[in-house]
PDB file of all heavy atoms in Angstrom:
ATOM      1  N   LYS A   1       0.867  -1.173   0.000  1.00  0.00           N
ATOM      2  CA  LYS A   1       0.000   0.000   0.000  1.00  0.00           C
ATOM      3  C   LYS A   1       0.905   1.225   0.000  1.00  0.00           C
ATOM      4  O   LYS A   1       1.958   1.236   0.639  1.00  0.00           O
ATOM      5  CB  LYS A   1      -0.890  -0.034   1.245  1.00  0.00           C
ATOM      6  CG  LYS A   1      -1.816   1.155   1.408  1.00  0.00           C
ATOM      7  CD  LYS A   1      -2.613   1.021   2.696  1.00  0.00           C
ATOM      8  CE  LYS A   1      -3.421   2.264   2.986  1.00  0.00           C
ATOM      9  NZ  LYS A   1      -4.487   2.480   1.982  1.00  0.00           N
ATOM     10  N   GLY A   2       0.441   2.270  -0.671  1.00  0.00           N
ATOM     11  CA  GLY A   2       1.263   3.465  -0.787  1.00  0.00           C
ATOM     12  C   GLY A   2       1.727   4.024   0.550  1.00  0.00           C
ATOM     13  O   GLY A   2       2.853   4.509   0.678  1.00  0.00           O
ATOM     14  N   ALA A   3       0.858   3.952   1.539  1.00  0.00           N
ATOM     15  CA  ALA A   3       1.180   4.548   2.833  1.00  0.00           C
ATOM     16  C   ALA A   3       2.331   3.851   3.558  1.00  0.00           C
ATOM     17  O   ALA A   3       2.929   4.421   4.470  1.00  0.00           O
ATOM     18  CB  ALA A   3      -0.053   4.529   3.724  1.00  0.00           C
ATOM     19  N   VAL A   4       2.645   2.609   3.152  1.00  0.00           N
ATOM     20  CA  VAL A   4       3.720   1.880   3.836  1.00  0.00           C
ATOM     21  C   VAL A   4       4.902   1.586   2.916  1.00  0.00           C
ATOM     22  O   VAL A   4       5.947   1.135   3.391  1.00  0.00           O
ATOM     23  CB  VAL A   4       3.204   0.551   4.443  1.00  0.00           C
ATOM     24  CG1 VAL A   4       1.993   0.817   5.330  1.00  0.00           C
ATOM     25  CG2 VAL A   4       2.885  -0.473   3.374  1.00  0.00           C
ATOM     26  N   ARG A   5       4.721   1.845   1.623  1.00  0.00           N
ATOM     27  CA  ARG A   5       5.817   1.538   0.676  1.00  0.00           C
ATOM     28  C   ARG A   5       7.059   2.332   1.044  1.00  0.00           C
ATOM     29  O   ARG A   5       7.009   3.528   1.333  1.00  0.00           O
ATOM     30  CB  ARG A   5       5.379   1.853  -0.742  1.00  0.00           C
ATOM     31  CG  ARG A   5       6.368   1.394  -1.797  1.00  0.00           C
ATOM     32  CD  ARG A   5       5.859   1.656  -3.205  1.00  0.00           C
ATOM     33  NE  ARG A   5       4.681   0.854  -3.496  1.00  0.00           N
ATOM     34  CZ  ARG A   5       3.477   1.379  -3.753  1.00  0.00           C
ATOM     35  NH1 ARG A   5       3.309   2.693  -3.754  1.00  0.00           N
ATOM     36  NH2 ARG A   5       2.454   0.583  -4.014  1.00  0.00           N
ATOM     37  N   GLY A   6       8.184   1.642   1.048  1.00  0.00           N
ATOM     38  CA  GLY A   6       9.438   2.282   1.406  1.00  0.00           C
ATOM     39  C   GLY A   6       9.752   2.224   2.890  1.00  0.00           C
ATOM     40  O   GLY A   6      10.886   2.463   3.294  1.00  0.00           O
ATOM     41  N   ARG A   7       8.748   1.895   3.706  1.00  0.00           N
ATOM     42  CA  ARG A   7       8.973   1.780   5.144  1.00  0.00           C
ATOM     43  C   ARG A   7       8.806   0.335   5.624  1.00  0.00           C
ATOM     44  O   ARG A   7       9.486  -0.082   6.560  1.00  0.00           O
ATOM     45  CB  ARG A   7       7.980   2.663   5.910  1.00  0.00           C
ATOM     46  CG  ARG A   7       8.064   4.137   5.599  1.00  0.00           C
ATOM     47  CD  ARG A   7       7.191   4.953   6.540  1.00  0.00           C
ATOM     48  NE  ARG A   7       5.766   4.629   6.401  1.00  0.00           N
ATOM     49  CZ  ARG A   7       4.998   4.214   7.405  1.00  0.00           C
ATOM     50  NH1 ARG A   7       5.499   4.050   8.615  1.00  0.00           N
ATOM     51  NH2 ARG A   7       3.703   3.963   7.193  1.00  0.00           N
ATOM     52  N   PHE A   8       7.922  -0.410   4.991  1.00  0.00           N
ATOM     53  CA  PHE A   8       7.651  -1.799   5.376  1.00  0.00           C
ATOM     54  C   PHE A   8       8.228  -2.740   4.315  1.00  0.00           C
ATOM     55  O   PHE A   8       8.214  -2.437   3.126  1.00  0.00           O
ATOM     56  CB  PHE A   8       6.153  -2.048   5.492  1.00  0.00           C
ATOM     57  CG  PHE A   8       5.459  -1.348   6.637  1.00  0.00           C
ATOM     58  CD1 PHE A   8       6.105  -0.390   7.412  1.00  0.00           C
ATOM     59  CD2 PHE A   8       4.143  -1.655   6.939  1.00  0.00           C
ATOM     60  CE1 PHE A   8       5.451   0.252   8.454  1.00  0.00           C
ATOM     61  CE2 PHE A   8       3.474  -1.029   7.984  1.00  0.00           C
ATOM     62  CZ  PHE A   8       4.141  -0.070   8.739  1.00  0.00           C
ATOM     63  N   THR A   9       8.686  -3.889   4.767  1.00  0.00           N
ATOM     64  CA  THR A   9       9.216  -4.905   3.857  1.00  0.00           C
ATOM     65  C   THR A   9       8.676  -6.268   4.251  1.00  0.00           C
ATOM     66  O   THR A   9       8.814  -6.683   5.408  1.00  0.00           O
ATOM     67  CB  THR A   9      10.748  -4.945   3.891  1.00  0.00           C
ATOM     68  OG1 THR A   9      11.273  -3.650   3.563  1.00  0.00           O
ATOM     69  CG2 THR A   9      11.281  -5.956   2.890  1.00  0.00           C
ATOM     70  N   ILE A  10       8.090  -6.950   3.284  1.00  0.00           N
ATOM     71  CA  ILE A  10       7.584  -8.301   3.511  1.00  0.00           C
ATOM     72  C   ILE A  10       8.596  -9.304   2.968  1.00  0.00           C
ATOM     73  O   ILE A  10       9.233  -9.059   1.952  1.00  0.00           O
ATOM     74  CB  ILE A  10       6.199  -8.494   2.847  1.00  0.00           C
ATOM     75  CG1 ILE A  10       5.555  -9.803   3.276  1.00  0.00           C
ATOM     76  CG2 ILE A  10       6.307  -8.394   1.326  1.00  0.00           C
ATOM     77  CD1 ILE A  10       4.096  -9.940   2.826  1.00  0.00           C
ATOM     78  N   SER A  11       8.751 -10.409   3.673  1.00  0.00           N
ATOM     79  CA  SER A  11       9.680 -11.448   3.232  1.00  0.00           C
ATOM     80  C   SER A  11       9.201 -12.785   3.780  1.00  0.00           C
ATOM     81  O   SER A  11       8.365 -12.837   4.682  1.00  0.00           O
ATOM     82  CB  SER A  11      11.104 -11.154   3.715  1.00  0.00           C
ATOM     83  OG  SER A  11      11.157 -11.147   5.136  1.00  0.00           O
ATOM     84  N   ARG A  12       9.731 -13.853   3.205  1.00  0.00           N
ATOM     85  CA  ARG A  12       9.354 -15.160   3.728  1.00  0.00           C
ATOM     86  C   ARG A  12      10.593 -16.013   3.937  1.00  0.00           C
ATOM     87  O   ARG A  12      11.564 -15.911   3.176  1.00  0.00           O
ATOM     88  CB  ARG A  12       8.339 -15.866   2.836  1.00  0.00           C
ATOM     89  CG  ARG A  12       8.809 -16.405   1.537  1.00  0.00           C
ATOM     90  CD  ARG A  12       7.785 -17.392   0.947  1.00  0.00           C
ATOM     91  NE  ARG A  12       6.666 -16.781   0.275  1.00  0.00           N
ATOM     92  CZ  ARG A  12       5.407 -17.214   0.363  1.00  0.00           C
ATOM     93  NH1 ARG A  12       5.128 -18.241   1.112  1.00  0.00           N
ATOM     94  NH2 ARG A  12       4.443 -16.626  -0.308  1.00  0.00           N
ATOM     95  N   ASP A  13      10.546 -16.839   4.958  1.00  0.00           N
ATOM     96  CA  ASP A  13      11.595 -17.809   5.255  1.00  0.00           C
ATOM     97  C   ASP A  13      10.966 -19.183   5.107  1.00  0.00           C
ATOM     98  O   ASP A  13      10.218 -19.626   5.992  1.00  0.00           O
ATOM     99  CB  ASP A  13      12.135 -17.590   6.669  1.00  0.00           C
ATOM    100  CG  ASP A  13      13.327 -18.477   6.984  1.00  0.00           C
ATOM    101  OD1 ASP A  13      13.381 -19.628   6.480  1.00  0.00           O
ATOM    102  OD2 ASP A  13      14.195 -18.037   7.758  1.00  0.00           O
ATOM    103  N   ILE A  14      11.254 -19.829   3.987  1.00  0.00           N
ATOM    104  CA  ILE A  14      10.618 -21.111   3.702  1.00  0.00           C
ATOM    105  C   ILE A  14      10.979 -22.154   4.750  1.00  0.00           C
ATOM    106  O   ILE A  14      10.137 -22.926   5.198  1.00  0.00           O
ATOM    107  CB  ILE A  14      11.002 -21.585   2.299  1.00  0.00           C
ATOM    108  CG1 ILE A  14      10.445 -20.619   1.252  1.00  0.00           C
ATOM    109  CG2 ILE A  14      10.493 -23.008   2.044  1.00  0.00           C
ATOM    110  CD1 ILE A  14      10.903 -20.897  -0.162  1.00  0.00           C
ATOM    111  N   ALA A  15      12.240 -22.175   5.159  1.00  0.00           N
ATOM    112  CA  ALA A  15      12.692 -23.182   6.125  1.00  0.00           C
ATOM    113  C   ALA A  15      11.962 -23.064   7.456  1.00  0.00           C
ATOM    114  O   ALA A  15      11.685 -24.066   8.121  1.00  0.00           O
ATOM    115  CB  ALA A  15      14.197 -23.065   6.333  1.00  0.00           C
ATOM    116  N   LYS A  16      11.639 -21.828   7.839  1.00  0.00           N
ATOM    117  CA  LYS A  16      10.948 -21.599   9.107  1.00  0.00           C
ATOM    118  C   LYS A  16       9.430 -21.529   8.934  1.00  0.00           C
ATOM    119  O   LYS A  16       8.714 -21.340   9.917  1.00  0.00           O
ATOM    120  CB  LYS A  16      11.456 -20.313   9.767  1.00  0.00           C
ATOM    121  CG  LYS A  16      12.912 -20.386  10.180  1.00  0.00           C
ATOM    122  CD  LYS A  16      13.340 -19.121  10.902  1.00  0.00           C
ATOM    123  CE  LYS A  16      14.799 -19.240  11.376  1.00  0.00           C
ATOM    124  NZ  LYS A  16      15.253 -18.011  12.084  1.00  0.00           N
ATOM    125  N   ASN A  17       8.967 -21.656   7.693  1.00  0.00           N
ATOM    126  CA  ASN A  17       7.539 -21.568   7.405  1.00  0.00           C
ATOM    127  C   ASN A  17       6.931 -20.304   8.006  1.00  0.00           C
ATOM    128  O   ASN A  17       5.865 -20.328   8.636  1.00  0.00           O
ATOM    129  CB  ASN A  17       6.796 -22.810   7.922  1.00  0.00           C
ATOM    130  CG  ASN A  17       5.569 -23.139   7.084  1.00  0.00           C
ATOM    131  OD1 ASN A  17       5.531 -22.874   5.878  1.00  0.00           O
ATOM    132  ND2 ASN A  17       4.562 -23.717   7.704  1.00  0.00           N
ATOM    133  N   THR A  18       7.616 -19.219   7.776  1.00  0.00           N
ATOM    134  CA  THR A  18       7.247 -17.952   8.395  1.00  0.00           C
ATOM    135  C   THR A  18       7.368 -16.819   7.384  1.00  0.00           C
ATOM    136  O   THR A  18       8.276 -16.819   6.552  1.00  0.00           O
ATOM    137  CB  THR A  18       8.159 -17.667   9.608  1.00  0.00           C
ATOM    138  OG1 THR A  18       7.995 -18.716  10.579  1.00  0.00           O
ATOM    139  CG2 THR A  18       7.815 -16.337  10.254  1.00  0.00           C
ATOM    140  N   VAL A  19       6.455 -15.887   7.484  1.00  0.00           N
ATOM    141  CA  VAL A  19       6.511 -14.654   6.700  1.00  0.00           C
ATOM    142  C   VAL A  19       6.676 -13.500   7.678  1.00  0.00           C
ATOM    143  O   VAL A  19       6.070 -13.495   8.754  1.00  0.00           O
ATOM    144  CB  VAL A  19       5.248 -14.482   5.848  1.00  0.00           C
ATOM    145  CG1 VAL A  19       5.216 -13.116   5.189  1.00  0.00           C
ATOM    146  CG2 VAL A  19       5.190 -15.578   4.785  1.00  0.00           C
ATOM    147  N   TYR A  20       7.493 -12.536   7.298  1.00  0.00           N
ATOM    148  CA  TYR A  20       7.789 -11.406   8.162  1.00  0.00           C
ATOM    149  C   TYR A  20       7.287 -10.107   7.551  1.00  0.00           C
ATOM    150  O   TYR A  20       7.165  -9.973   6.327  1.00  0.00           O
ATOM    151  CB  TYR A  20       9.299 -11.295   8.383  1.00  0.00           C
ATOM    152  CG  TYR A  20       9.919 -12.517   8.986  1.00  0.00           C
ATOM    153  CD1 TYR A  20      10.585 -13.446   8.185  1.00  0.00           C
ATOM    154  CD2 TYR A  20       9.848 -12.757  10.348  1.00  0.00           C
ATOM    155  CE1 TYR A  20      11.156 -14.579   8.730  1.00  0.00           C
ATOM    156  CE2 TYR A  20      10.418 -13.893  10.907  1.00  0.00           C
ATOM    157  CZ  TYR A  20      11.067 -14.794  10.100  1.00  0.00           C
ATOM    158  OH  TYR A  20      11.635 -15.921  10.644  1.00  0.00           O
ATOM    159  N   LEU A  21       7.046  -9.147   8.415  1.00  0.00           N
ATOM    160  CA  LEU A  21       6.791  -7.780   7.986  1.00  0.00           C
ATOM    161  C   LEU A  21       7.694  -6.875   8.819  1.00  0.00           C
ATOM    162  O   LEU A  21       7.447  -6.676  10.013  1.00  0.00           O
ATOM    163  CB  LEU A  21       5.331  -7.394   8.161  1.00  0.00           C
ATOM    164  CG  LEU A  21       4.974  -6.012   7.605  1.00  0.00           C
ATOM    165  CD1 LEU A  21       5.046  -6.036   6.063  1.00  0.00           C
ATOM    166  CD2 LEU A  21       3.580  -5.569   8.045  1.00  0.00           C
ATOM    167  N   GLN A  22       8.747  -6.401   8.196  1.00  0.00           N
ATOM    168  CA  GLN A  22       9.645  -5.459   8.853  1.00  0.00           C
ATOM    169  C   GLN A  22       9.067  -4.068   8.701  1.00  0.00           C
ATOM    170  O   GLN A  22       8.830  -3.623   7.575  1.00  0.00           O
ATOM    171  CB  GLN A  22      11.044  -5.527   8.228  1.00  0.00           C
ATOM    172  CG  GLN A  22      12.028  -4.532   8.815  1.00  0.00           C
ATOM    173  CD  GLN A  22      12.370  -4.841  10.265  1.00  0.00           C
ATOM    174  OE1 GLN A  22      12.598  -5.995  10.618  1.00  0.00           O
ATOM    175  NE2 GLN A  22      12.430  -3.809  11.099  1.00  0.00           N
ATOM    176  N   MET A  23       8.840  -3.406   9.803  1.00  0.00           N
ATOM    177  CA  MET A  23       8.213  -2.092   9.794  1.00  0.00           C
ATOM    178  C   MET A  23       9.190  -1.073  10.370  1.00  0.00           C
ATOM    179  O   MET A  23       9.556  -1.157  11.549  1.00  0.00           O
ATOM    180  CB  MET A  23       6.916  -2.112  10.613  1.00  0.00           C
ATOM    181  CG  MET A  23       5.943  -3.202  10.183  1.00  0.00           C
ATOM    182  SD  MET A  23       4.332  -3.084  10.977  1.00  0.00           S
ATOM    183  CE  MET A  23       4.791  -3.319  12.693  1.00  0.00           C
ATOM    184  N   ASN A  24       9.604  -0.146   9.545  1.00  0.00           N
ATOM    185  CA  ASN A  24      10.529   0.906   9.951  1.00  0.00           C
ATOM    186  C   ASN A  24       9.849   2.262   9.867  1.00  0.00           C
ATOM    187  O   ASN A  24       8.791   2.410   9.248  1.00  0.00           O
ATOM    188  CB  ASN A  24      11.767   0.891   9.058  1.00  0.00           C
ATOM    189  CG  ASN A  24      12.536  -0.404   9.141  1.00  0.00           C
ATOM    190  OD1 ASN A  24      12.572  -1.075  10.174  1.00  0.00           O
ATOM    191  ND2 ASN A  24      13.175  -0.781   8.027  1.00  0.00           N
TER     192      ASN A  24
END
């Protein structure tokens, strides 16, 4: 979403079966 682009980053770790949202 525009309001979070450039500040938030989504990623996934397949081995840990986890998705992250880094919020800066």
